[in-house]
Amino acid sequence: MRLRSLNEAECYARCHGEGDGDNVRVVKLEPRRPRFDLEVSGEDLRRAFEVRLDKREPVSEPISEAADGHEPAAAA
């Protein structure tokens, strides 16, 4: 049971420490190495996908909502 409420400075010190600087240690890290050596770039994949899309046959008839038994929604 707390006998008195804490002020803002006491709360900050309790959560973040007194600020003496001994709690933080700066560490120098090596740069990360690449995980995989890939033969294909993302741009190559995008271009190949576009080519595959362009080769697809166009849809002969658009599917209408009336064809599946549903009435089209009224325009607002």
N, C-alpha and C. Protein backbone atom coordinates (compact mmCIF):
# COMPACT_ATOMS: atom_id res chain seq x y z
N MET A 1 0.84 -1.18 0.00
CA MET A 1 0.00 0.00 0.00
C MET A 1 0.88 1.24 0.00
N ARG A 2 0.61 2.16 -0.93
CA ARG A 2 1.40 3.37 -1.06
C ARG A 2 0.92 4.41 -0.05
N LEU A 3 1.86 5.02 0.64
CA LEU A 3 1.51 6.02 1.66
C LEU A 3 1.24 7.39 1.04
N ARG A 4 1.94 7.70 -0.07
CA ARG A 4 1.73 9.00 -0.73
C ARG A 4 1.83 8.80 -2.23
N SER A 5 1.25 9.70 -2.99
CA SER A 5 1.35 9.61 -4.45
C SER A 5 2.68 10.20 -4.90
N LEU A 6 3.17 9.68 -6.04
CA LEU A 6 4.45 10.15 -6.58
C LEU A 6 4.23 11.33 -7.50
N ASN A 7 5.20 12.25 -7.52
CA ASN A 7 5.12 13.35 -8.48
C ASN A 7 5.71 12.91 -9.81
N GLU A 8 5.65 13.75 -10.82
CA GLU A 8 6.09 13.39 -12.16
C GLU A 8 7.56 13.03 -12.21
N ALA A 9 8.41 13.78 -11.51
CA ALA A 9 9.85 13.51 -11.51
C ALA A 9 10.16 12.16 -10.89
N GLU A 10 9.46 11.81 -9.82
CA GLU A 10 9.68 10.53 -9.17
C GLU A 10 9.22 9.37 -10.06
N CYS A 11 8.11 9.58 -10.75
CA CYS A 11 7.62 8.54 -11.67
C CYS A 11 8.60 8.33 -12.82
N TYR A 12 9.12 9.41 -13.37
CA TYR A 12 10.08 9.31 -14.48
C TYR A 12 11.33 8.58 -14.01
N ALA A 13 11.84 8.96 -12.83
CA ALA A 13 13.05 8.31 -12.31
C ALA A 13 12.80 6.83 -12.05
N ARG A 14 11.62 6.50 -11.59
CA ARG A 14 11.29 5.10 -11.31
C ARG A 14 11.22 4.27 -12.59
N CYS A 15 10.68 4.87 -13.67
CA CYS A 15 10.53 4.14 -14.94
C CYS A 15 11.80 4.13 -15.77
N HIS A 16 12.53 5.24 -15.79
CA HIS A 16 13.67 5.40 -16.71
C HIS A 16 15.02 5.46 -16.01
N GLY A 17 15.06 5.37 -14.73
CA GLY A 17 16.32 5.42 -14.01
C GLY A 17 16.68 6.86 -13.63
N GLU A 18 17.73 6.97 -12.88
CA GLU A 18 18.14 8.28 -12.37
C GLU A 18 18.85 9.13 -13.41
N GLY A 19 19.29 8.55 -14.52
CA GLY A 19 19.95 9.32 -15.56
C GLY A 19 21.43 9.49 -15.32
N ASP A 20 22.04 8.57 -14.57
CA ASP A 20 23.47 8.68 -14.29
C ASP A 20 24.34 8.25 -15.46
N GLY A 21 23.78 7.64 -16.47
CA GLY A 21 24.53 7.28 -17.66
C GLY A 21 25.20 5.92 -17.58
N ASP A 22 25.21 5.28 -16.43
CA ASP A 22 25.85 3.98 -16.29
C ASP A 22 24.99 2.85 -16.84
N ASN A 23 23.74 3.12 -17.15
CA ASN A 23 22.83 2.08 -17.61
C ASN A 23 22.94 1.85 -19.12
N VAL A 24 23.58 2.76 -19.85
CA VAL A 24 23.63 2.66 -21.30
C VAL A 24 25.06 2.37 -21.73
N ARG A 25 25.19 1.39 -22.63
CA ARG A 25 26.50 1.06 -23.17
C ARG A 25 26.38 1.06 -24.69
N VAL A 26 27.18 1.84 -25.38
CA VAL A 26 27.15 1.92 -26.83
C VAL A 26 27.99 0.78 -27.39
N VAL A 27 27.38 0.03 -28.30
CA VAL A 27 28.05 -1.13 -28.89
C VAL A 27 28.10 -0.93 -30.39
N LYS A 28 29.26 -1.13 -30.99
CA LYS A 28 29.42 -1.02 -32.43
C LYS A 28 29.12 -2.37 -33.06
N LEU A 29 28.16 -2.41 -34.00
CA LEU A 29 27.78 -3.65 -34.67
C LEU A 29 28.32 -3.68 -36.09
N GLU A 30 28.64 -4.88 -36.55
CA GLU A 30 29.07 -5.04 -37.94
C GLU A 30 27.86 -4.91 -38.85
N PRO A 31 28.06 -4.43 -40.08
CA PRO A 31 26.93 -4.39 -41.02
C PRO A 31 26.43 -5.80 -41.31
N ARG A 32 25.14 -5.91 -41.55
CA ARG A 32 24.57 -7.21 -41.85
C ARG A 32 25.03 -7.72 -43.21
N ARG A 33 25.28 -9.01 -43.26
CA ARG A 33 25.63 -9.64 -44.53
C ARG A 33 24.35 -9.96 -45.28
N PRO A 34 24.38 -9.96 -46.61
CA PRO A 34 23.19 -10.36 -47.35
C PRO A 34 22.84 -11.81 -47.04
N ARG A 35 21.55 -12.09 -46.93
CA ARG A 35 21.11 -13.44 -46.58
C ARG A 35 21.27 -14.41 -47.74
N PHE A 36 20.89 -13.98 -48.93
CA PHE A 36 20.92 -14.86 -50.09
C PHE A 36 21.51 -14.11 -51.27
N ASP A 37 22.19 -14.83 -52.13
CA ASP A 37 22.68 -14.26 -53.37
C ASP A 37 21.69 -14.68 -54.46
N LEU A 38 20.75 -13.82 -54.79
CA LEU A 38 19.69 -14.16 -55.73
C LEU A 38 20.10 -13.83 -57.16
N GLU A 39 19.66 -14.69 -58.08
CA GLU A 39 19.97 -14.48 -59.49
C GLU A 39 18.97 -13.55 -60.16
N VAL A 40 17.79 -13.39 -59.57
CA VAL A 40 16.72 -12.60 -60.15
C VAL A 40 16.38 -11.46 -59.20
N SER A 41 16.24 -10.26 -59.76
CA SER A 41 15.87 -9.12 -58.93
C SER A 41 14.34 -8.99 -58.89
N GLY A 42 13.86 -8.18 -58.00
CA GLY A 42 12.43 -7.92 -57.91
C GLY A 42 11.89 -7.29 -59.18
N GLU A 43 12.69 -6.43 -59.79
CA GLU A 43 12.28 -5.78 -61.05
C GLU A 43 12.16 -6.81 -62.16
N ASP A 44 13.07 -7.79 -62.21
CA ASP A 44 12.97 -8.86 -63.21
C ASP A 44 11.68 -9.66 -63.02
N LEU A 45 11.34 -9.96 -61.78
CA LEU A 45 10.10 -10.69 -61.51
C LEU A 45 8.88 -9.89 -61.93
N ARG A 46 8.89 -8.58 -61.67
CA ARG A 46 7.76 -7.74 -62.05
C ARG A 46 7.57 -7.74 -63.56
N ARG A 47 8.67 -7.59 -64.30
CA ARG A 47 8.59 -7.58 -65.77
C ARG A 47 8.07 -8.91 -66.31
N ALA A 48 8.57 -10.02 -65.76
CA ALA A 48 8.13 -11.34 -66.20
C ALA A 48 6.63 -11.53 -65.92
N PHE A 49 6.17 -11.02 -64.80
CA PHE A 49 4.75 -11.12 -64.48
C PHE A 49 3.92 -10.30 -65.46
N GLU A 50 4.38 -9.11 -65.80
CA GLU A 50 3.66 -8.29 -66.79
C GLU A 50 3.58 -8.99 -68.13
N VAL A 51 4.65 -9.64 -68.55
CA VAL A 51 4.65 -10.37 -69.83
C VAL A 51 3.62 -11.49 -69.77
N ARG A 52 3.58 -12.23 -68.66
CA ARG A 52 2.60 -13.31 -68.53
C ARG A 52 1.17 -12.77 -68.55
N LEU A 53 0.94 -11.63 -67.92
CA LEU A 53 -0.39 -11.02 -67.94
C LEU A 53 -0.79 -10.61 -69.35
N ASP A 54 0.16 -10.04 -70.09
CA ASP A 54 -0.12 -9.60 -71.46
C ASP A 54 -0.43 -10.77 -72.39
N LYS A 55 0.11 -11.95 -72.12
CA LYS A 55 -0.11 -13.12 -72.96
C LYS A 55 -1.46 -13.78 -72.72
N ARG A 56 -2.12 -13.45 -71.64
CA ARG A 56 -3.41 -14.07 -71.33
C ARG A 56 -4.45 -13.69 -72.37
N GLU A 57 -5.37 -14.61 -72.59
CA GLU A 57 -6.46 -14.32 -73.53
C GLU A 57 -7.45 -13.39 -72.85
N PRO A 58 -7.98 -12.43 -73.61
CA PRO A 58 -8.97 -11.54 -72.99
C PRO A 58 -10.26 -12.29 -72.68
N VAL A 59 -10.98 -11.83 -71.71
CA VAL A 59 -12.26 -12.44 -71.34
C VAL A 59 -13.25 -12.12 -72.44
N SER A 60 -13.99 -13.15 -72.93
CA SER A 60 -14.89 -12.95 -74.07
C SER A 60 -16.08 -12.08 -73.71
N GLU A 61 -16.74 -12.34 -72.59
CA GLU A 61 -17.89 -11.54 -72.19
C GLU A 61 -17.74 -11.15 -70.73
N PRO A 62 -18.03 -9.91 -70.41
CA PRO A 62 -18.00 -9.56 -68.99
C PRO A 62 -19.18 -10.24 -68.28
N ILE A 63 -18.95 -10.69 -67.10
CA ILE A 63 -20.01 -11.35 -66.32
C ILE A 63 -20.91 -10.27 -65.74
N SER A 64 -22.19 -10.34 -66.07
CA SER A 64 -23.13 -9.35 -65.56
C SER A 64 -23.79 -9.88 -64.30
N GLU A 65 -24.24 -8.95 -63.46
CA GLU A 65 -24.90 -9.35 -62.22
C GLU A 65 -26.25 -9.98 -62.51
N ALA A 66 -26.92 -9.58 -63.60
CA ALA A 66 -28.23 -10.11 -63.92
C ALA A 66 -28.12 -11.58 -64.36
N ALA A 67 -26.99 -11.99 -64.89
CA ALA A 67 -26.82 -13.35 -65.38
C ALA A 67 -26.81 -14.36 -64.24
N ASP A 68 -26.41 -13.95 -63.05
CA ASP A 68 -26.37 -14.89 -61.94
C ASP A 68 -27.61 -14.82 -61.06
N GLY A 69 -28.66 -14.13 -61.51
CA GLY A 69 -29.91 -14.10 -60.79
C GLY A 69 -30.07 -12.93 -59.85
N HIS A 70 -29.07 -12.10 -59.73
CA HIS A 70 -29.15 -10.93 -58.85
C HIS A 70 -29.48 -9.69 -59.67
N GLU A 71 -30.30 -8.88 -59.12
CA GLU A 71 -30.64 -7.61 -59.79
C GLU A 71 -29.51 -6.61 -59.52
N PRO A 72 -29.16 -5.78 -60.49
CA PRO A 72 -28.14 -4.77 -60.24
C PRO A 72 -28.64 -3.75 -59.22
N ALA A 73 -27.71 -3.22 -58.45
CA ALA A 73 -28.07 -2.23 -57.42
C ALA A 73 -28.49 -0.94 -58.11
N ALA A 74 -29.45 -0.27 -57.52
CA ALA A 74 -29.93 1.01 -58.07
C ALA A 74 -28.88 2.08 -57.87
N ALA A 75 -28.71 2.92 -58.87
CA ALA A 75 -27.74 4.00 -58.76
C ALA A 75 -28.27 5.06 -57.79
N ALA A 76 -27.38 5.52 -56.96
CA ALA A 76 -27.81 6.51 -55.95
C ALA A 76 -27.67 7.91 -56.45
